[in-house]
Amino acid sequence: VQLQASGGGLVQAGGSLRLSCAASGSGISSMAWYRQAPGKERELVARRFTSRATTYAESVKGRFTISTINAKNTVSLQMDSLEPEDTAVYYCNARRAFSATEYWGQGTLVTVSS
């Protein structure tokens, strides 16, 4: 599985950004976005399963939305009401059914200025 992420950039607090991630490969059971801020561990932001179920970090609930766009193996992360605390490198992630292997895309930097 290969992941190609796009989006990110610099935005003022209160603004919006959209990240997209396209996966090549089969058997994908879920896709997600993680983020890692300087000096912090990587954390889950949101995950979307092929069943359409989603899960979000508490800190982004009501502000971020993960969804499938067009093809089944492409997800977007709509980020609204961005806060400086959302500043991080965001990573796309995918998992296959019945496998413990994690697949990662290249990180994309999101910077929110106050």
Protein backbone atom coordinates (compact mmCIF):
# COMPACT_ATOMS: atom_id res chain seq x y z
CA VAL A 1 0.00 0.00 0.00
CA GLN A 2 1.29 3.42 -0.94
CA LEU A 3 -0.19 6.63 0.36
CA GLN A 4 -0.04 10.04 -1.30
CA ALA A 5 -1.03 12.95 0.88
CA SER A 6 -1.71 16.52 -0.18
CA GLY A 7 -2.89 19.72 1.40
CA GLY A 8 -1.63 21.51 4.45
CA GLY A 9 -0.03 24.90 4.71
CA LEU A 10 -0.27 28.05 6.77
CA VAL A 11 -3.56 29.44 8.03
CA GLN A 12 -4.70 31.90 10.66
CA ALA A 13 -6.53 30.74 13.74
CA GLY A 14 -10.19 30.22 12.97
CA GLY A 15 -9.47 29.31 9.39
CA SER A 16 -9.86 26.07 7.48
CA LEU A 17 -7.67 23.63 5.60
CA ARG A 18 -8.31 20.38 3.81
CA LEU A 19 -5.98 17.40 3.61
CA SER A 20 -6.39 14.56 1.15
CA CYS A 21 -4.84 11.12 0.99
CA ALA A 22 -5.03 8.61 -1.85
CA ALA A 23 -4.09 5.00 -1.27
CA SER A 24 -3.03 2.46 -3.85
CA GLY A 25 -3.47 -1.17 -3.04
CA SER A 26 -6.23 -3.52 -2.01
CA GLY A 27 -7.72 -4.85 1.16
CA ILE A 28 -7.71 -1.54 2.99
CA SER A 29 -10.02 -1.62 5.98
CA SER A 30 -9.49 1.87 7.33
CA MET A 31 -7.67 5.11 6.68
CA ALA A 32 -6.72 7.75 9.17
CA TRP A 33 -4.88 10.94 9.89
CA TYR A 34 -2.37 11.26 12.69
CA ARG A 35 -0.39 14.29 13.73
CA GLN A 36 2.81 15.01 15.55
CA ALA A 37 3.60 18.35 17.08
CA PRO A 38 7.17 19.33 17.99
CA GLY A 39 8.26 17.54 21.13
CA LYS A 40 5.11 15.43 21.29
CA GLU A 41 4.17 11.90 20.36
CA ARG A 42 2.24 11.09 17.24
CA GLU A 43 -1.48 10.98 17.96
CA LEU A 44 -4.57 9.83 16.15
CA VAL A 45 -6.69 12.66 14.77
CA ALA A 46 -9.42 10.72 12.95
CA ARG A 47 -10.01 7.31 11.41
CA ARG A 48 -12.58 6.21 8.85
CA PHE A 49 -13.44 2.57 8.30
CA THR A 50 -14.78 1.04 5.11
CA SER A 51 -17.99 0.55 7.06
CA ARG A 52 -18.15 4.37 7.13
CA ALA A 53 -17.72 4.39 10.88
CA THR A 54 -15.48 7.16 12.11
CA THR A 55 -13.59 8.01 15.25
CA TYR A 56 -12.08 11.31 16.31
CA ALA A 57 -9.72 12.63 18.93
CA GLU A 58 -11.61 14.57 21.57
CA SER A 59 -9.64 17.68 20.77
CA VAL A 60 -10.93 17.84 17.18
CA LYS A 61 -14.51 16.65 17.57
CA GLY A 62 -16.92 19.11 16.01
CA ARG A 63 -14.14 20.87 14.11
CA PHE A 64 -12.61 18.19 11.88
CA THR A 65 -14.40 15.85 9.49
CA ILE A 66 -12.91 12.77 7.84
CA SER A 67 -14.70 11.51 4.76
CA THR A 68 -14.28 9.41 1.66
CA ILE A 69 -14.05 11.34 -1.57
CA ASN A 70 -14.79 9.79 -4.93
CA ALA A 71 -12.77 6.59 -4.92
CA LYS A 72 -13.02 4.27 -1.96
CA ASN A 73 -9.35 4.55 -1.10
CA THR A 74 -9.21 8.32 -0.90
CA VAL A 75 -10.00 10.23 2.24
CA SER A 76 -10.04 13.87 3.11
CA LEU A 77 -9.74 15.65 6.42
CA GLN A 78 -11.65 18.91 6.52
CA MET A 79 -10.26 21.02 9.32
CA ASP A 80 -12.35 23.99 10.45
CA SER A 81 -11.99 26.44 13.32
CA LEU A 82 -8.29 25.71 13.41
CA GLU A 83 -6.36 26.58 16.55
CA PRO A 84 -2.64 27.17 17.08
CA GLU A 85 -2.63 23.90 19.01
CA ASP A 86 -3.47 22.10 15.77
CA THR A 87 -0.05 22.99 14.40
CA ALA A 88 1.72 19.74 13.57
CA VAL A 89 2.93 17.47 10.84
CA TYR A 90 -0.05 15.42 9.70
CA TYR A 91 0.41 11.86 8.47
CA CYS A 92 -1.94 9.70 6.46
CA ASN A 93 -2.30 6.11 7.66
CA ALA A 94 -3.91 2.97 6.30
CA ARG A 95 -4.57 -0.49 7.64
CA ARG A 96 -5.48 -3.72 5.94
CA ALA A 97 -7.99 -6.17 7.28
CA PHE A 98 -6.50 -9.02 9.31
CA SER A 99 -3.07 -7.42 9.33
CA ALA A 100 -1.06 -5.59 11.97
CA THR A 101 0.93 -3.69 9.35
CA GLU A 102 0.59 0.07 9.39
CA TYR A 103 1.13 2.07 6.21
CA TRP A 104 2.19 5.70 6.31
CA GLY A 105 2.26 8.55 3.86
CA GLN A 106 4.69 11.41 3.85
CA GLY A 107 3.90 14.06 6.42
CA THR A 108 2.35 17.38 5.51
CA LEU A 109 2.86 20.42 7.69
CA VAL A 110 -0.09 22.37 9.03
CA THR A 111 0.75 25.65 10.72
CA VAL A 112 -1.92 27.70 12.47
CA SER A 113 -0.90 31.21 13.44
CA SER A 114 -2.51 33.08 16.30
